[in-house]
Amino acid sequence: MSRPPDLGSGGLPGSAQFRVRVTKDHLVFSAAHFITFAGGVCERLHGHNWRTAVELVGPLDENQYVFDFIALRDALQKIVDGLDHRVLLPTRHPQIRVQERPAEVEATFENRRWLFPREDCVLLPIVNTTAELIAFWIAGQLRQQLKQTPNHSLESLRVEVEENFGQSAYCELPLAK
């Protein structure tokens, strides 16, 4: 019977790199959006059942794990819940104008106009509501939460947003303290 190789002093992992990944069937959100591309093309308003996943890279802590799976899952769930059944609108697009009023949000692009109930919208401080930039926004939200976690030595955060089966975008951010 063979034994696993000794990975260093006391069986510790030495120079190994560790990561944890969380993806669950409930880490999804149904949301509408439209994007612009190729200069002036603007898609029709449409929706997706977006799936999300998050991955953290870092050394093992005193409990011998990178980060608590449950805490990571719950942090992502809170963000996803805020996007669910909403219209996602970019507030930094050079051609899409978004005006927020107490009861409604108006979005315009050239000669097109959309009017939505305010409570149905999430205004995202991004240039376009592409899967890539939604992943970037989610990663930024998670990074803010992780900064409040005491004594972590996490190195990076990676968020995946799947807008359709087989079509995913990723954003990876450093987590240096």
N, C-alpha and C. Protein backbone atom coordinates (compact mmCIF):
# COMPACT_ATOMS: atom_id res chain seq x y z
N MET A 1 0.85 -1.16 0.00
CA MET A 1 0.00 0.00 0.00
C MET A 1 0.90 1.24 0.00
N SER A 2 0.65 2.16 -0.93
CA SER A 2 1.49 3.35 -0.99
C SER A 2 0.89 4.47 -0.16
N ARG A 3 1.76 5.30 0.34
CA ARG A 3 1.33 6.46 1.12
C ARG A 3 1.45 7.70 0.24
N PRO A 4 0.63 8.71 0.52
CA PRO A 4 0.77 9.95 -0.26
C PRO A 4 2.13 10.57 0.01
N PRO A 5 2.67 11.28 -0.96
CA PRO A 5 3.99 11.89 -0.76
C PRO A 5 3.94 12.93 0.34
N ASP A 6 5.05 13.05 1.06
CA ASP A 6 5.18 14.08 2.09
C ASP A 6 5.38 15.40 1.37
N LEU A 7 4.52 16.37 1.64
CA LEU A 7 4.57 17.65 0.95
C LEU A 7 5.39 18.69 1.70
N GLY A 8 6.16 18.26 2.63
CA GLY A 8 7.00 19.21 3.36
C GLY A 8 6.97 18.92 4.84
N SER A 9 7.50 19.80 5.58
CA SER A 9 7.60 19.66 7.02
C SER A 9 6.23 19.43 7.65
N GLY A 10 6.07 18.32 8.32
CA GLY A 10 4.82 18.02 9.02
C GLY A 10 3.66 17.73 8.10
N GLY A 11 3.91 17.44 6.83
CA GLY A 11 2.83 17.15 5.89
C GLY A 11 2.09 18.40 5.44
N LEU A 12 2.66 19.58 5.65
CA LEU A 12 2.01 20.81 5.21
C LEU A 12 2.19 21.00 3.72
N PRO A 13 1.31 21.74 3.08
CA PRO A 13 1.28 21.83 1.64
C PRO A 13 2.41 22.63 0.98
N GLY A 14 3.31 23.19 1.73
CA GLY A 14 4.47 23.85 1.12
C GLY A 14 4.12 24.93 0.13
N SER A 15 4.53 24.75 -1.13
CA SER A 15 4.35 25.78 -2.15
C SER A 15 3.08 25.60 -2.98
N ALA A 16 2.17 24.76 -2.54
CA ALA A 16 0.93 24.54 -3.29
C ALA A 16 0.09 25.82 -3.30
N GLN A 17 -0.68 25.98 -4.38
CA GLN A 17 -1.62 27.09 -4.47
C GLN A 17 -3.02 26.53 -4.27
N PHE A 18 -3.84 27.26 -3.52
CA PHE A 18 -5.18 26.78 -3.20
C PHE A 18 -6.23 27.77 -3.68
N ARG A 19 -7.38 27.23 -4.05
CA ARG A 19 -8.50 28.05 -4.46
C ARG A 19 -9.79 27.35 -4.06
N VAL A 20 -10.81 28.14 -3.81
CA VAL A 20 -12.13 27.59 -3.55
C VAL A 20 -13.07 28.20 -4.58
N ARG A 21 -14.09 27.43 -4.95
CA ARG A 21 -15.05 27.86 -5.96
C ARG A 21 -16.44 27.51 -5.45
N VAL A 22 -17.36 28.45 -5.60
CA VAL A 22 -18.74 28.23 -5.22
C VAL A 22 -19.63 28.52 -6.41
N THR A 23 -20.44 27.55 -6.77
CA THR A 23 -21.48 27.72 -7.78
C THR A 23 -22.63 26.81 -7.38
N LYS A 24 -23.82 27.35 -7.35
CA LYS A 24 -24.99 26.61 -6.91
C LYS A 24 -26.14 26.90 -7.85
N ASP A 25 -27.13 26.01 -7.86
CA ASP A 25 -28.31 26.23 -8.70
C ASP A 25 -29.10 27.46 -8.31
N HIS A 26 -28.96 27.91 -7.07
CA HIS A 26 -29.71 29.09 -6.62
C HIS A 26 -28.90 30.38 -6.75
N LEU A 27 -27.67 30.31 -7.22
CA LEU A 27 -26.87 31.52 -7.43
C LEU A 27 -27.11 32.04 -8.85
N VAL A 28 -28.38 32.26 -9.14
CA VAL A 28 -28.82 32.72 -10.46
C VAL A 28 -29.70 33.95 -10.28
N PHE A 29 -29.82 34.71 -11.34
CA PHE A 29 -30.76 35.82 -11.35
C PHE A 29 -31.35 35.95 -12.75
N SER A 30 -32.61 36.26 -12.79
CA SER A 30 -33.31 36.51 -14.05
C SER A 30 -33.40 38.02 -14.19
N ALA A 31 -32.84 38.53 -15.27
CA ALA A 31 -32.82 39.99 -15.44
C ALA A 31 -32.83 40.35 -16.91
N ALA A 32 -33.40 41.51 -17.18
CA ALA A 32 -33.45 42.05 -18.54
C ALA A 32 -32.31 43.04 -18.73
N HIS A 33 -31.89 43.19 -19.97
CA HIS A 33 -30.87 44.18 -20.32
C HIS A 33 -30.88 44.40 -21.82
N PHE A 34 -30.13 45.36 -22.26
CA PHE A 34 -29.81 45.53 -23.67
C PHE A 34 -28.40 46.08 -23.72
N ILE A 35 -27.69 45.79 -24.79
CA ILE A 35 -26.33 46.31 -24.93
C ILE A 35 -26.21 47.02 -26.27
N THR A 36 -25.20 47.83 -26.37
CA THR A 36 -24.85 48.45 -27.64
C THR A 36 -23.50 47.90 -28.07
N PHE A 37 -23.29 47.88 -29.38
CA PHE A 37 -22.01 47.40 -29.90
C PHE A 37 -21.81 47.99 -31.30
N ALA A 38 -20.63 47.82 -31.81
CA ALA A 38 -20.28 48.28 -33.16
C ALA A 38 -20.64 49.75 -33.38
N GLY A 39 -20.42 50.56 -32.37
CA GLY A 39 -20.64 51.98 -32.52
C GLY A 39 -22.05 52.43 -32.25
N GLY A 40 -23.02 51.95 -33.01
CA GLY A 40 -24.37 52.46 -32.85
C GLY A 40 -25.47 51.43 -32.87
N VAL A 41 -25.12 50.16 -32.82
CA VAL A 41 -26.14 49.11 -32.81
C VAL A 41 -26.62 48.91 -31.38
N CYS A 42 -27.93 48.92 -31.19
CA CYS A 42 -28.50 48.72 -29.86
C CYS A 42 -29.46 47.53 -29.91
N GLU A 43 -29.19 46.54 -29.09
CA GLU A 43 -30.06 45.36 -29.05
C GLU A 43 -31.45 45.72 -28.52
N ARG A 44 -32.37 44.83 -28.79
CA ARG A 44 -33.70 44.94 -28.18
C ARG A 44 -33.59 44.54 -26.71
N LEU A 45 -34.49 45.06 -25.91
CA LEU A 45 -34.57 44.65 -24.52
C LEU A 45 -34.88 43.16 -24.48
N HIS A 46 -34.13 42.41 -23.73
CA HIS A 46 -34.33 40.97 -23.61
C HIS A 46 -33.80 40.51 -22.26
N GLY A 47 -34.04 39.27 -21.92
CA GLY A 47 -33.62 38.77 -20.61
C GLY A 47 -32.85 37.48 -20.68
N HIS A 48 -32.21 37.16 -19.57
CA HIS A 48 -31.46 35.92 -19.41
C HIS A 48 -31.72 35.38 -18.01
N ASN A 49 -31.46 34.11 -17.85
CA ASN A 49 -31.34 33.48 -16.54
C ASN A 49 -29.84 33.33 -16.30
N TRP A 50 -29.27 34.34 -15.70
CA TRP A 50 -27.83 34.43 -15.50
C TRP A 50 -27.40 33.51 -14.35
N ARG A 51 -26.36 32.72 -14.57
CA ARG A 51 -25.78 31.88 -13.51
C ARG A 51 -24.46 32.52 -13.08
N THR A 52 -24.14 32.37 -11.81
CA THR A 52 -22.91 32.97 -11.30
C THR A 52 -22.07 31.94 -10.55
N ALA A 53 -20.80 32.23 -10.47
CA ALA A 53 -19.87 31.43 -9.67
C ALA A 53 -18.78 32.37 -9.19
N VAL A 54 -18.16 32.02 -8.08
CA VAL A 54 -17.06 32.82 -7.55
C VAL A 54 -15.94 31.89 -7.10
N GLU A 55 -14.72 32.37 -7.30
CA GLU A 55 -13.53 31.61 -6.94
C GLU A 55 -12.56 32.53 -6.22
N LEU A 56 -11.99 32.05 -5.13
CA LEU A 56 -10.99 32.80 -4.37
C LEU A 56 -9.68 32.02 -4.37
N VAL A 57 -8.56 32.73 -4.47
CA VAL A 57 -7.23 32.14 -4.42
C VAL A 57 -6.51 32.72 -3.21
N GLY A 58 -5.86 31.84 -2.47
CA GLY A 58 -5.10 32.29 -1.32
C GLY A 58 -4.52 31.13 -0.54
N PRO A 59 -3.72 31.43 0.46
CA PRO A 59 -3.14 30.37 1.29
C PRO A 59 -4.17 29.82 2.26
N LEU A 60 -3.86 28.69 2.83
CA LEU A 60 -4.72 28.10 3.85
C LEU A 60 -4.62 28.91 5.14
N ASP A 61 -5.74 29.04 5.81
CA ASP A 61 -5.74 29.76 7.09
C ASP A 61 -5.56 28.77 8.23
N GLU A 62 -5.78 29.26 9.46
CA GLU A 62 -5.58 28.40 10.64
C GLU A 62 -6.54 27.22 10.67
N ASN A 63 -7.65 27.30 9.92
CA ASN A 63 -8.60 26.19 9.82
C ASN A 63 -8.28 25.25 8.66
N GLN A 64 -7.23 25.57 7.93
CA GLN A 64 -6.77 24.80 6.78
C GLN A 64 -7.72 24.91 5.58
N TYR A 65 -8.35 26.07 5.45
CA TYR A 65 -9.07 26.35 4.20
C TYR A 65 -8.84 27.78 3.76
N VAL A 66 -9.08 28.01 2.48
CA VAL A 66 -8.85 29.33 1.89
C VAL A 66 -9.87 30.32 2.42
N PHE A 67 -11.14 29.92 2.41
CA PHE A 67 -12.23 30.78 2.86
C PHE A 67 -13.44 29.89 3.13
N ASP A 68 -14.28 30.31 4.01
CA ASP A 68 -15.48 29.56 4.37
C ASP A 68 -16.46 29.53 3.20
N PHE A 69 -16.77 28.33 2.71
CA PHE A 69 -17.70 28.17 1.59
C PHE A 69 -19.05 28.83 1.86
N ILE A 70 -19.57 28.65 3.05
CA ILE A 70 -20.90 29.17 3.38
C ILE A 70 -20.90 30.69 3.36
N ALA A 71 -19.89 31.31 3.92
CA ALA A 71 -19.80 32.78 3.92
C ALA A 71 -19.68 33.31 2.49
N LEU A 72 -18.90 32.63 1.66
CA LEU A 72 -18.74 33.04 0.26
C LEU A 72 -20.05 32.88 -0.51
N ARG A 73 -20.71 31.76 -0.31
CA ARG A 73 -22.01 31.52 -0.95
C ARG A 73 -23.02 32.59 -0.55
N ASP A 74 -23.09 32.87 0.74
CA ASP A 74 -24.07 33.85 1.23
C ASP A 74 -23.78 35.26 0.71
N ALA A 75 -22.52 35.63 0.61
CA ALA A 75 -22.16 36.95 0.08
C ALA A 75 -22.59 37.09 -1.37
N LEU A 76 -22.33 36.05 -2.18
CA LEU A 76 -22.75 36.09 -3.59
C LEU A 76 -24.27 36.05 -3.71
N GLN A 77 -24.93 35.28 -2.85
CA GLN A 77 -26.39 35.18 -2.89
C GLN A 77 -27.04 36.54 -2.65
N LYS A 78 -26.50 37.29 -1.72
CA LYS A 78 -27.05 38.61 -1.42
C LYS A 78 -26.97 39.53 -2.65
N ILE A 79 -25.87 39.49 -3.35
CA ILE A 79 -25.70 40.30 -4.56
C ILE A 79 -26.65 39.85 -5.66
N VAL A 80 -26.71 38.54 -5.88
CA VAL A 80 -27.57 37.97 -6.91
C VAL A 80 -29.04 38.30 -6.63
N ASP A 81 -29.44 38.22 -5.38
CA ASP A 81 -30.83 38.53 -5.03
C ASP A 81 -31.19 39.97 -5.39
N GLY A 82 -30.24 40.88 -5.28
CA GLY A 82 -30.50 42.27 -5.63
C GLY A 82 -30.66 42.52 -7.11
N LEU A 83 -30.20 41.58 -7.94
CA LEU A 83 -30.32 41.70 -9.40
C LEU A 83 -31.51 40.95 -9.97
N ASP A 84 -32.07 40.06 -9.16
CA ASP A 84 -33.11 39.14 -9.65
C ASP A 84 -34.40 39.87 -9.99
N HIS A 85 -34.94 39.54 -11.17
CA HIS A 85 -36.20 40.10 -11.68
C HIS A 85 -36.14 41.62 -11.77
N ARG A 86 -35.04 42.10 -12.33
CA ARG A 86 -34.84 43.53 -12.51
C ARG A 86 -34.40 43.81 -13.95
N VAL A 87 -34.45 45.07 -14.30
CA VAL A 87 -33.88 45.56 -15.55
C VAL A 87 -32.53 46.18 -15.18
N LEU A 88 -31.47 45.74 -15.84
CA LEU A 88 -30.12 46.22 -15.56
C LEU A 88 -29.78 47.33 -16.54
N LEU A 89 -29.46 48.50 -16.01
CA LEU A 89 -29.18 49.66 -16.86
C LEU A 89 -27.80 50.23 -16.53
N PRO A 90 -27.01 50.55 -17.57
CA PRO A 90 -25.68 51.13 -17.33
C PRO A 90 -25.78 52.64 -17.15
N THR A 91 -25.12 53.16 -16.14
CA THR A 91 -25.17 54.61 -15.91
C THR A 91 -23.97 55.35 -16.50
N ARG A 92 -22.98 54.62 -17.02
CA ARG A 92 -21.77 55.27 -17.55
C ARG A 92 -21.61 55.11 -19.07
N HIS A 93 -22.67 54.74 -19.73
CA HIS A 93 -22.62 54.57 -21.19
C HIS A 93 -22.59 55.94 -21.84
N PRO A 94 -21.72 56.15 -22.83
CA PRO A 94 -21.64 57.48 -23.44
C PRO A 94 -22.87 57.86 -24.27
N GLN A 95 -23.66 56.88 -24.71
CA GLN A 95 -24.82 57.20 -25.55
C GLN A 95 -26.16 56.84 -24.93
N ILE A 96 -26.17 56.00 -23.91
CA ILE A 96 -27.42 55.66 -23.23
C ILE A 96 -27.59 56.64 -22.08
N ARG A 97 -28.67 57.35 -22.10
CA ARG A 97 -28.94 58.32 -21.03
C ARG A 97 -29.95 57.69 -20.08
N VAL A 98 -29.60 57.64 -18.81
CA VAL A 98 -30.47 57.06 -17.79
C VAL A 98 -30.84 58.17 -16.81
N GLN A 99 -32.14 58.41 -16.69
CA GLN A 99 -32.63 59.43 -15.76
C GLN A 99 -33.49 58.75 -14.70
N GLU A 100 -33.07 58.94 -13.47
CA GLU A 100 -33.79 58.35 -12.34
C GLU A 100 -34.73 59.39 -11.74
N ARG A 101 -35.99 58.98 -11.58
CA ARG A 101 -37.00 59.82 -10.94
C ARG A 101 -37.55 59.04 -9.75
N PRO A 102 -38.30 59.68 -8.87
CA PRO A 102 -38.80 58.96 -7.70
C PRO A 102 -39.58 57.68 -8.02
N ALA A 103 -40.41 57.69 -9.05
CA ALA A 103 -41.26 56.54 -9.33
C ALA A 103 -40.87 55.78 -10.59
N GLU A 104 -39.94 56.32 -11.39
CA GLU A 104 -39.62 55.67 -12.66
C GLU A 104 -38.19 55.97 -13.09
N VAL A 105 -37.75 55.17 -14.05
CA VAL A 105 -36.45 55.38 -14.67
C VAL A 105 -36.68 55.45 -16.17
N GLU A 106 -36.10 56.47 -16.78
CA GLU A 106 -36.19 56.61 -18.23
C GLU A 106 -34.81 56.36 -18.82
N ALA A 107 -34.76 55.51 -19.84
CA ALA A 107 -33.51 55.26 -20.55
C ALA A 107 -33.74 55.62 -22.02
N THR A 108 -32.78 56.33 -22.59
CA THR A 108 -32.89 56.69 -24.01
C THR A 108 -31.59 56.36 -24.71
N PHE A 109 -31.73 55.97 -25.96
CA PHE A 109 -30.59 55.75 -26.85
C PHE A 109 -31.04 56.22 -28.23
N GLU A 110 -30.40 57.25 -28.71
CA GLU A 110 -30.78 57.87 -29.98
C GLU A 110 -32.28 58.14 -29.97
N ASN A 111 -33.05 57.56 -30.88
CA ASN A 111 -34.49 57.84 -30.93
C ASN A 111 -35.33 56.81 -30.17
N ARG A 112 -34.69 55.93 -29.41
CA ARG A 112 -35.42 54.91 -28.64
C ARG A 112 -35.56 55.36 -27.20
N ARG A 113 -36.69 54.96 -26.60
CA ARG A 113 -36.97 55.38 -25.22
C ARG A 113 -37.65 54.23 -24.48
N TRP A 114 -37.19 54.00 -23.24
CA TRP A 114 -37.79 52.99 -22.37
C TRP A 114 -38.16 53.67 -21.06
N LEU A 115 -39.28 53.30 -20.49
CA LEU A 115 -39.72 53.83 -19.21
C LEU A 115 -40.05 52.65 -18.31
N PHE A 116 -39.41 52.58 -17.14
CA PHE A 116 -39.55 51.45 -16.23
C PHE A 116 -39.95 51.95 -14.84
N PRO A 117 -40.72 51.15 -14.10
CA PRO A 117 -40.94 51.48 -12.68
C PRO A 117 -39.59 51.47 -11.95
N ARG A 118 -39.36 52.43 -11.07
CA ARG A 118 -38.07 52.55 -10.39
C ARG A 118 -37.68 51.28 -9.66
N GLU A 119 -38.64 50.65 -8.98
CA GLU A 119 -38.32 49.45 -8.19
C GLU A 119 -37.95 48.24 -9.05
N ASP A 120 -38.17 48.33 -10.36
CA ASP A 120 -37.83 47.23 -11.26
C ASP A 120 -36.43 47.36 -11.85
N CYS A 121 -35.71 48.41 -11.50
CA CYS A 121 -34.41 48.69 -12.13
C CYS A 121 -33.26 48.60 -11.13
N VAL A 122 -32.12 48.18 -11.67
CA VAL A 122 -30.84 48.29 -10.95
C VAL A 122 -29.95 49.13 -11.86
N LEU A 123 -29.51 50.26 -11.34
CA LEU A 123 -28.63 51.15 -12.09
C LEU A 123 -27.19 50.80 -11.74
N LEU A 124 -26.47 50.31 -12.72
CA LEU A 124 -25.11 49.83 -12.50
C LEU A 124 -24.10 50.86 -13.01
N PRO A 125 -23.10 51.19 -12.22
CA PRO A 125 -22.09 52.17 -12.64
C PRO A 125 -21.06 51.54 -13.58
N ILE A 126 -21.55 51.08 -14.73
CA ILE A 126 -20.71 50.45 -15.75
C ILE A 126 -21.07 51.07 -17.10
N VAL A 127 -20.24 50.83 -18.10
CA VAL A 127 -20.42 51.42 -19.42
C VAL A 127 -21.46 50.67 -20.25
N ASN A 128 -21.58 49.37 -20.07
CA ASN A 128 -22.50 48.56 -20.86
C ASN A 128 -22.88 47.35 -20.02
N THR A 129 -24.06 46.83 -20.20
CA THR A 129 -24.48 45.68 -19.38
C THR A 129 -24.13 44.36 -20.08
N THR A 130 -22.88 44.25 -20.46
CA THR A 130 -22.37 42.99 -21.01
C THR A 130 -22.12 42.02 -19.86
N ALA A 131 -22.03 40.75 -20.17
CA ALA A 131 -21.73 39.74 -19.15
C ALA A 131 -20.39 40.04 -18.48
N GLU A 132 -19.42 40.53 -19.28
CA GLU A 132 -18.10 40.85 -18.74
C GLU A 132 -18.19 41.95 -17.67
N LEU A 133 -18.92 43.01 -17.98
CA LEU A 133 -18.99 44.12 -17.02
C LEU A 133 -19.92 43.83 -15.86
N ILE A 134 -20.90 42.98 -16.05
CA ILE A 134 -21.72 42.54 -14.91
C ILE A 134 -20.85 41.70 -13.97
N ALA A 135 -19.99 40.84 -14.53
CA ALA A 135 -19.04 40.07 -13.72
C ALA A 135 -18.10 41.02 -12.97
N PHE A 136 -17.65 42.07 -13.64
CA PHE A 136 -16.78 43.08 -13.02
C PHE A 136 -17.49 43.76 -11.85
N TRP A 137 -18.74 44.14 -12.05
CA TRP A 137 -19.50 44.80 -10.98
C TRP A 137 -19.70 43.87 -9.78
N ILE A 138 -20.09 42.63 -10.06
CA ILE A 138 -20.28 41.65 -8.98
C ILE A 138 -18.96 41.44 -8.23
N ALA A 139 -17.86 41.31 -8.97
CA ALA A 139 -16.55 41.13 -8.34
C ALA A 139 -16.22 42.32 -7.44
N GLY A 140 -16.53 43.52 -7.89
CA GLY A 140 -16.29 44.71 -7.07
C GLY A 140 -17.10 44.70 -5.79
N GLN A 141 -18.36 44.27 -5.89
CA GLN A 141 -19.21 44.17 -4.70
C GLN A 141 -18.64 43.15 -3.72
N LEU A 142 -18.22 42.00 -4.24
CA LEU A 142 -17.63 40.97 -3.37
C LEU A 142 -16.32 41.45 -2.75
N ARG A 143 -15.52 42.14 -3.53
CA ARG A 143 -14.24 42.64 -3.01
C ARG A 143 -14.47 43.58 -1.83
N GLN A 144 -15.48 44.43 -1.93
CA GLN A 144 -15.79 45.33 -0.81
C GLN A 144 -16.17 44.53 0.45
N GLN A 145 -16.95 43.47 0.26
CA GLN A 145 -17.33 42.65 1.42
C GLN A 145 -16.12 41.92 2.00
N LEU A 146 -15.24 41.42 1.12
CA LEU A 146 -14.08 40.68 1.60
C LEU A 146 -13.10 41.58 2.35
N LYS A 147 -13.04 42.86 1.99
CA LYS A 147 -12.17 43.80 2.70
C LYS A 147 -12.57 43.93 4.16
N GLN A 148 -13.81 43.63 4.47
CA GLN A 148 -14.30 43.71 5.84
C GLN A 148 -14.03 42.43 6.64
N THR A 149 -13.49 41.41 5.96
CA THR A 149 -13.17 40.15 6.63
C THR A 149 -11.81 40.29 7.29
N PRO A 150 -11.76 40.15 8.61
CA PRO A 150 -10.48 40.33 9.30
C PRO A 150 -9.50 39.20 8.99
N ASN A 151 -8.24 39.57 8.91
CA ASN A 151 -7.12 38.62 8.84
C ASN A 151 -7.15 37.68 7.64
N HIS A 152 -7.74 38.06 6.54
CA HIS A 152 -7.65 37.18 5.39
C HIS A 152 -6.37 37.49 4.60
N SER A 153 -5.87 36.48 3.91
CA SER A 153 -4.68 36.65 3.08
C SER A 153 -5.00 36.28 1.63
N LEU A 154 -6.22 36.54 1.23
CA LEU A 154 -6.66 36.18 -0.12
C LEU A 154 -5.86 36.95 -1.16
N GLU A 155 -5.60 36.29 -2.28
CA GLU A 155 -4.78 36.89 -3.34
C GLU A 155 -5.62 37.41 -4.50
N SER A 156 -6.64 36.65 -4.89
CA SER A 156 -7.46 37.09 -6.02
C SER A 156 -8.87 36.54 -5.92
N LEU A 157 -9.73 37.18 -6.67
CA LEU A 157 -11.16 36.87 -6.72
C LEU A 157 -11.53 36.75 -8.19
N ARG A 158 -12.26 35.72 -8.54
CA ARG A 158 -12.69 35.52 -9.93
C ARG A 158 -14.19 35.27 -9.93
N VAL A 159 -14.92 36.03 -10.73
CA VAL A 159 -16.37 35.88 -10.85
C VAL A 159 -16.69 35.44 -12.26
N GLU A 160 -17.56 34.46 -12.37
CA GLU A 160 -18.07 34.00 -13.65
C GLU A 160 -19.54 34.37 -13.73
N VAL A 161 -19.95 34.90 -14.88
CA VAL A 161 -21.35 35.18 -15.16
C VAL A 161 -21.68 34.49 -16.48
N GLU A 162 -22.63 33.58 -16.42
CA GLU A 162 -23.07 32.85 -17.60
C GLU A 162 -24.43 33.41 -18.02
N GLU A 163 -24.48 34.00 -19.21
CA GLU A 163 -25.75 34.58 -19.65
C GLU A 163 -26.60 33.56 -20.38
N ASN A 164 -26.00 32.51 -20.86
CA ASN A 164 -26.70 31.45 -21.56
C ASN A 164 -25.82 30.22 -21.49
N PHE A 165 -26.39 29.06 -21.57
CA PHE A 165 -25.60 27.83 -21.47
C PHE A 165 -24.43 27.88 -22.45
N GLY A 166 -23.23 27.72 -21.94
CA GLY A 166 -22.04 27.71 -22.77
C GLY A 166 -21.49 29.08 -23.12
N GLN A 167 -22.09 30.15 -22.59
CA GLN A 167 -21.63 31.52 -22.86
C GLN A 167 -21.36 32.22 -21.53
N SER A 168 -20.10 32.23 -21.13
CA SER A 168 -19.72 32.81 -19.85
C SER A 168 -18.69 33.90 -20.02
N ALA A 169 -18.71 34.85 -19.09
CA ALA A 169 -17.69 35.87 -19.01
C ALA A 169 -17.09 35.82 -17.61
N TYR A 170 -15.84 36.20 -17.50
CA TYR A 170 -15.11 36.15 -16.23
C TYR A 170 -14.47 37.50 -15.95
N CYS A 171 -14.36 37.80 -14.69
CA CYS A 171 -13.59 38.96 -14.24
C CYS A 171 -12.76 38.52 -13.05
N GLU A 172 -11.47 38.78 -13.10
CA GLU A 172 -10.59 38.46 -11.98
C GLU A 172 -9.97 39.74 -11.45
N LEU A 173 -10.05 39.91 -10.14
CA LEU A 173 -9.51 41.09 -9.48
C LEU A 173 -8.50 40.68 -8.41
N PRO A 174 -7.43 41.45 -8.23
CA PRO A 174 -6.49 41.18 -7.14
C PRO A 174 -7.14 41.59 -5.82
N LEU A 175 -6.70 40.94 -4.75
CA LEU A 175 -7.24 41.22 -3.42
C LEU A 175 -6.16 41.62 -2.42
N ALA A 176 -5.10 42.19 -2.89
CA ALA A 176 -4.03 42.61 -1.98
C ALA A 176 -4.58 43.62 -0.99
N LYS A 177 -4.22 43.43 0.28
CA LYS A 177 -4.70 44.35 1.33
C LYS A 177 -3.97 45.66 1.30
